[in-house]
Structure formats: structure tokens, C-alpha cells
């Protein structure tokens, strides 16, 4: 059965492993825990596009047993010893590389890359059994919206094969303004996202995201757009499927508006 695609806001650092943050992340946790119930069946594999893997070309994780990449700083010691033991899928990596190469993308296989926190943190909440193969894929450091929309379009056939495509980032990502200064900009940008993703046609979405910098508070919400780019891939893979908001709160990080979206 055809899988939906997702753009998820993955939260801050290793939050599921910090008990004192349970209340702060209650809404996000509940949305991620509910994600499997929104699917038509258990995925045969998960293709995860993380904001935390940025390369010159599209790189694909191809280890049979991916390790861990603790790409965060200043957190409790135990968060540097957590493990998400999902298997890799080298055969799928090779196939996806062929699909992307045939679509004109420069690609490379990475045999050493481990799961970064943009991947393992949300997956550990949504799929704690870690029994579904995961293929993590990088984004391109150009951050070109159209490039990543086309990347998603090239990956779209995988949805008909039971492969779940997830773009993992944040709808608002300005680490210098994760306080009251970010309240209004995050709300403005989120309202724009809602208006451009929900109840719109495929081409309307594509055009809006190609020109996302024109959105209200765009460059405050994303001084660097690495955490927005996975949305472009998810939208490209979604085609003309309807969108829904599956997570939304106005007090993320205490003062910030944040959302996640499902397509299909």
C-alpha cells in the first residue's frame, strides 16, 4: 500500500533521553508516538532525510549495522551512550542511488555514517523496537529548494513499495532566538507554512517553497535553512496528495510555534 510522506519537527538535542524535559516535549512525543497508527501498514523500510547531514552531493548510508553519531553538545553524559539499533538496508541504498543518478543527481555511498540525532531521536520515539530497516540520506549544501523538491519527486516511487519517506528538521530553527524574541516570528512563519501546505495544489506548494524566503519572518525563522530543506524533499515526494498538520504547538522550547506535516 502507498505510504504517506512526512516533514517532522524533531525537537532539540537528545530530548527523549532527558527525563526533566518530559513535560516540555509532551505534545511532540505524542505526535511521534501516534505516527505508526497513521500508516496503512508497517513500513518495509524508512528513508530518513535529516537536516543534520549536509554534503556536496546526495550521500546515502549503506552500512548493514549503522552506528551512532552524537552530534550535539553540552548534554548529560548518558545521552552519549544511547543506541538506536535499527538495521541498515545496503540494497535499498544502492537502488536509491541508481534512481537519483538516473534523475541527474550526483550521489555517493557512505559505508561509515551513523545515525545522527535528526534521525535516531524521532525514530526512537515513533519506532522504539528499531526493527524496521532505515536508510538515512543527506541533503545538498546548496540548500536549493527546487533541487530538493526534484529529489523528492525522484524518490516518490518508493512510496508504492511500502517505504516511508520522512523529512526531519524543524519548522522554526533559530538557536539565537529560542526565547520570547522568537515568539512572533515563529508564529508568522508557521501561519505561512499552514497556508501554503494545507488545501493547496501541488504546483502551489512547489512555487511557495521555491520562494520561501518571501514568507513573513522567513530569515528570522531560518537564518540558515538546513532544517527547512527536508520539507522540500517530503513535498516533492508527496506529489498532489493532501496535507495535514499532525503536530502543532505554540510553546515549543517555551515560546516557539512549531508544526509537523503529513502528506497523503
Protein backbone atom coordinates (compact mmCIF):
# COMPACT_ATOMS: atom_id res chain seq x y z
CA UNK A 1 0.00 0.00 0.00
CA UNK A 2 1.13 3.53 -0.72
CA UNK A 3 2.87 5.26 2.17
CA UNK A 4 2.40 8.92 3.09
CA UNK A 5 5.37 11.23 3.45
CA UNK A 6 6.20 13.39 6.48
CA UNK A 7 8.00 16.52 7.48
CA UNK A 8 8.58 16.35 11.24
CA UNK A 9 9.93 18.89 13.69
CA UNK A 10 12.36 16.72 15.63
CA UNK A 11 12.87 18.89 18.73
CA UNK A 12 16.12 19.81 20.44
CA UNK A 13 19.09 17.52 21.00
CA UNK A 14 18.54 14.14 22.69
CA UNK A 15 15.30 15.23 24.38
CA UNK A 16 13.62 11.80 24.74
CA UNK A 17 16.51 10.69 26.95
CA UNK A 18 16.26 13.62 29.39
CA UNK A 19 13.53 12.93 31.93
CA UNK A 20 13.33 16.54 33.12
CA UNK A 21 12.14 17.52 29.64
CA UNK A 22 9.17 15.15 29.56
CA UNK A 23 6.56 17.84 30.17
CA UNK A 24 8.16 20.27 27.71
CA UNK A 25 8.08 17.69 24.93
CA UNK A 26 4.74 16.06 25.71
CA UNK A 27 2.97 17.25 22.54
CA UNK A 28 5.83 16.33 20.24
CA UNK A 29 6.24 12.93 21.87
CA UNK A 30 2.54 12.16 21.49
CA UNK A 31 2.58 13.10 17.81
CA UNK A 32 5.60 10.91 17.11
CA UNK A 33 4.19 8.01 19.12
CA UNK A 34 0.99 8.23 17.10
CA UNK A 35 2.76 8.24 13.74
CA UNK A 36 2.72 4.44 13.20
CA UNK A 37 -1.06 4.36 13.68
CA UNK A 38 -1.40 6.85 10.80
CA UNK A 39 0.21 4.44 8.32
CA UNK A 40 -1.65 1.93 6.16
CA UNK A 41 0.73 -0.84 7.23
CA UNK A 42 4.12 -1.33 8.86
CA UNK A 43 6.79 0.16 6.58
CA UNK A 44 9.14 -2.20 4.81
CA UNK A 45 11.85 0.42 5.31
CA UNK A 46 12.20 4.07 6.33
CA UNK A 47 14.04 6.61 4.19
CA UNK A 48 15.06 9.45 6.51
CA UNK A 49 16.27 12.82 5.21
CA UNK A 50 17.92 14.58 8.15
CA UNK A 51 18.77 18.25 8.46
CA UNK A 52 21.93 17.17 10.23
CA UNK A 53 23.60 15.52 7.24
CA UNK A 54 24.74 18.13 4.72
CA UNK A 55 27.03 17.22 1.83
CA UNK A 56 28.20 18.46 -1.57
CA UNK A 57 26.19 15.69 -3.22
CA UNK A 58 23.46 13.34 -2.03
CA UNK A 59 25.05 10.73 0.18
CA UNK A 60 23.37 7.51 1.26
CA UNK A 61 24.08 5.48 4.38
CA UNK A 62 24.94 1.93 3.33
CA UNK A 63 26.12 0.17 6.48
CA UNK A 64 24.31 -3.04 7.42
CA UNK A 65 24.54 -2.02 11.07
CA UNK A 66 24.72 1.78 11.31
CA UNK A 67 26.44 3.21 14.34
CA UNK A 68 25.60 6.37 16.27
CA UNK A 69 26.62 9.97 15.66
CA UNK A 70 26.13 12.06 18.80
CA UNK A 71 26.10 15.39 17.01
CA UNK A 72 25.04 17.54 19.97
CA UNK A 73 26.98 19.27 22.70
CA UNK A 74 26.66 20.01 26.40
CA UNK A 75 24.07 17.37 27.29
CA UNK A 76 24.16 14.81 30.14
CA UNK A 77 26.79 12.11 29.78
CA UNK A 78 24.28 9.29 29.44
CA UNK A 79 22.92 10.81 26.22
CA UNK A 80 26.25 9.97 24.56
CA UNK A 81 25.72 6.26 25.20
CA UNK A 82 22.19 5.74 23.87
CA UNK A 83 21.72 3.40 20.92
CA UNK A 84 19.15 3.03 18.17
CA UNK A 85 19.84 -0.39 16.70
CA UNK A 86 17.74 -0.37 13.54
CA UNK A 87 19.40 -2.28 10.69
CA UNK A 88 20.62 -0.56 7.59
CA UNK A 89 19.49 -1.51 4.09
CA UNK A 90 22.51 -1.58 1.73
CA UNK A 91 20.50 -3.00 -1.18
CA UNK A 92 17.99 -0.16 -0.88
CA UNK A 93 20.84 2.37 -0.70
CA UNK A 94 22.22 1.04 -3.98
CA UNK A 95 18.79 1.14 -5.61
CA UNK A 96 18.07 4.67 -4.40
CA UNK A 97 21.48 5.77 -5.65
CA UNK A 98 20.55 4.42 -9.10
CA UNK A 99 17.17 6.19 -9.01
CA UNK A 100 18.75 9.51 -8.07
CA UNK A 101 21.61 9.16 -10.53
CA UNK A 102 19.17 8.45 -13.37
CA UNK A 103 17.31 11.63 -12.37
CA UNK A 104 20.52 13.62 -12.80
CA UNK A 105 21.73 13.88 -9.18
CA UNK A 106 25.33 13.45 -8.10
CA UNK A 107 25.41 10.74 -5.42
CA UNK A 108 27.78 8.78 -3.22
CA UNK A 109 27.58 5.80 -0.89
CA UNK A 110 28.81 6.18 2.69
CA UNK A 111 29.68 2.92 4.46
CA UNK A 112 30.66 4.54 7.75
CA UNK A 113 27.95 7.10 8.54
CA UNK A 114 25.96 6.53 11.73
CA UNK A 115 22.51 7.78 12.71
CA UNK A 116 22.59 11.48 13.65
CA UNK A 117 20.12 12.89 16.16
CA UNK A 118 17.86 14.24 13.43
CA UNK A 119 17.24 10.59 12.58
CA UNK A 120 17.56 8.48 15.71
CA UNK A 121 15.77 10.84 18.11
CA UNK A 122 12.37 10.89 16.37
CA UNK A 123 12.70 7.26 15.24
CA UNK A 124 13.34 6.11 18.80
CA UNK A 125 10.00 7.64 19.80
CA UNK A 126 7.96 6.52 16.79
CA UNK A 127 9.53 3.10 16.28
CA UNK A 128 11.19 2.14 19.59
CA UNK A 129 11.51 -1.53 18.60
CA UNK A 130 14.08 -0.47 15.96
CA UNK A 131 13.05 -3.43 13.81
CA UNK A 132 12.47 -1.53 10.55
CA UNK A 133 15.46 -1.01 8.23
CA UNK A 134 16.46 2.65 7.95
CA UNK A 135 18.23 4.38 5.08
CA UNK A 136 19.46 7.84 6.03
CA UNK A 137 20.04 10.27 3.16
CA UNK A 138 21.84 13.62 3.18
CA UNK A 139 20.71 16.97 1.88
CA UNK A 140 22.73 19.11 -0.50
CA UNK A 141 24.68 22.01 0.95
CA UNK A 142 23.36 24.35 -1.76
CA UNK A 143 20.01 24.31 0.11
CA UNK A 144 18.36 24.88 -3.28
CA UNK A 145 14.60 24.37 -2.80
CA UNK A 146 13.91 23.23 -6.37
CA UNK A 147 16.81 20.74 -6.24
CA UNK A 148 15.32 19.11 -3.15
CA UNK A 149 11.76 19.15 -4.50
CA UNK A 150 13.06 17.29 -7.57
CA UNK A 151 14.95 14.92 -5.28
CA UNK A 152 11.67 14.10 -3.57
CA UNK A 153 9.98 13.54 -6.93
CA UNK A 154 12.71 11.06 -7.86
CA UNK A 155 12.14 9.17 -4.61
CA UNK A 156 8.33 9.15 -4.86
CA UNK A 157 8.01 5.67 -6.48
CA UNK A 158 9.34 4.14 -3.27
CA UNK A 159 6.07 5.05 -1.54
CA UNK A 160 4.21 2.44 -3.61
CA UNK A 161 6.62 -0.20 -2.31
CA UNK A 162 5.84 0.36 1.36
CA UNK A 163 8.81 2.64 2.06
CA UNK A 164 8.12 5.54 4.42
CA UNK A 165 9.82 8.83 3.49
CA UNK A 166 10.40 11.23 6.40
CA UNK A 167 12.00 14.66 6.23
CA UNK A 168 13.35 15.54 9.68
CA UNK A 169 14.07 19.15 10.60
CA UNK A 170 12.27 21.96 12.41
CA UNK A 171 9.62 24.36 11.18
CA UNK A 172 11.45 27.10 13.14
CA UNK A 173 15.22 26.91 13.69
CA UNK A 174 16.95 29.97 15.04
CA UNK A 175 19.04 28.91 18.03
CA UNK A 176 19.78 32.52 18.94
CA UNK A 177 16.09 33.32 19.23
CA UNK A 178 14.61 30.33 21.06
CA UNK A 179 13.06 32.72 23.54
CA UNK A 180 10.42 35.44 23.62
CA UNK A 181 12.10 37.18 20.68
CA UNK A 182 11.14 34.21 18.52
CA UNK A 183 7.50 34.06 19.57
CA UNK A 184 6.05 36.31 16.89
CA UNK A 185 8.43 35.37 14.04
CA UNK A 186 7.81 31.65 14.59
CA UNK A 187 4.05 32.21 14.65
CA UNK A 188 4.17 34.28 11.46
CA UNK A 189 6.27 31.76 9.57
CA UNK A 190 4.17 28.84 10.83
CA UNK A 191 0.98 30.55 9.68
CA UNK A 192 2.54 30.95 6.24
CA UNK A 193 3.52 27.27 6.17
CA UNK A 194 0.00 26.22 7.09
CA UNK A 195 -1.48 28.43 4.35
CA UNK A 196 0.90 27.13 1.68
CA UNK A 197 0.83 23.41 2.55
CA UNK A 198 -2.79 22.77 3.51
CA UNK A 199 -5.59 22.87 0.94
CA UNK A 200 -3.26 23.82 -1.91
CA UNK A 201 -2.33 22.16 -5.19
CA UNK A 202 0.99 20.51 -5.87
CA UNK A 203 2.18 23.39 -8.03
CA UNK A 204 1.07 25.98 -5.47
CA UNK A 205 3.15 24.20 -2.82
CA UNK A 206 6.14 23.87 -5.09
CA UNK A 207 6.05 27.53 -6.06
CA UNK A 208 5.64 28.71 -2.48
CA UNK A 209 8.57 26.63 -1.26
CA UNK A 210 10.79 27.72 -4.13
CA UNK A 211 10.18 31.27 -2.91
CA UNK A 212 10.05 30.57 0.82
CA UNK A 213 12.36 33.50 1.62
CA UNK A 214 9.48 35.82 0.77
CA UNK A 215 7.40 34.43 3.64
CA UNK A 216 6.82 36.59 6.74
CA UNK A 217 9.81 36.36 9.11
CA UNK A 218 11.41 33.76 6.83
CA UNK A 219 15.03 34.64 7.56
CA UNK A 220 14.35 35.00 11.26
CA UNK A 221 12.73 31.57 11.36
CA UNK A 222 15.57 30.09 9.32
CA UNK A 223 18.75 32.15 9.36
CA UNK A 224 20.21 29.05 7.68
CA UNK A 225 17.64 26.82 6.06
CA UNK A 226 19.15 23.39 6.74
CA UNK A 227 16.20 22.47 8.99
CA UNK A 228 13.64 23.56 6.39
CA UNK A 229 15.14 21.74 3.40
CA UNK A 230 13.87 18.25 4.39
CA UNK A 231 10.36 19.68 3.93
CA UNK A 232 11.16 20.25 0.25
CA UNK A 233 12.01 16.57 -0.20
CA UNK A 234 8.84 15.44 1.58
CA UNK A 235 6.69 17.77 -0.52
CA UNK A 236 8.38 16.66 -3.74
CA UNK A 237 7.71 13.02 -2.90
CA UNK A 238 4.12 13.83 -1.90
CA UNK A 239 3.02 14.91 -5.36
CA UNK A 240 -0.56 16.16 -5.25
CA UNK A 241 -1.51 14.28 -2.07
CA UNK A 242 -3.42 16.27 0.52
CA UNK A 243 -1.52 17.64 3.51
CA UNK A 244 -2.50 17.66 7.18
CA UNK A 245 -0.87 19.15 10.26
CA UNK A 246 -0.07 16.31 12.66
CA UNK A 247 1.75 18.30 15.35
CA UNK A 248 1.31 21.92 16.33
CA UNK A 249 2.07 23.86 19.46
CA UNK A 250 2.73 27.47 20.37
CA UNK A 251 5.04 26.86 23.32
CA UNK A 252 7.76 24.63 21.88
CA UNK A 253 11.03 25.45 23.65
CA UNK A 254 8.80 27.53 25.93
CA UNK A 255 7.80 30.27 23.48
CA UNK A 256 8.03 29.00 19.90
CA UNK A 257 5.36 27.89 17.40
CA UNK A 258 6.28 24.60 15.70
CA UNK A 259 4.50 22.12 13.42
CA UNK A 260 4.85 18.82 11.59
CA UNK A 261 3.03 17.78 8.43
CA UNK A 262 1.82 14.58 6.79
CA UNK A 263 1.18 14.27 3.05
CA UNK A 264 -1.14 11.53 1.85
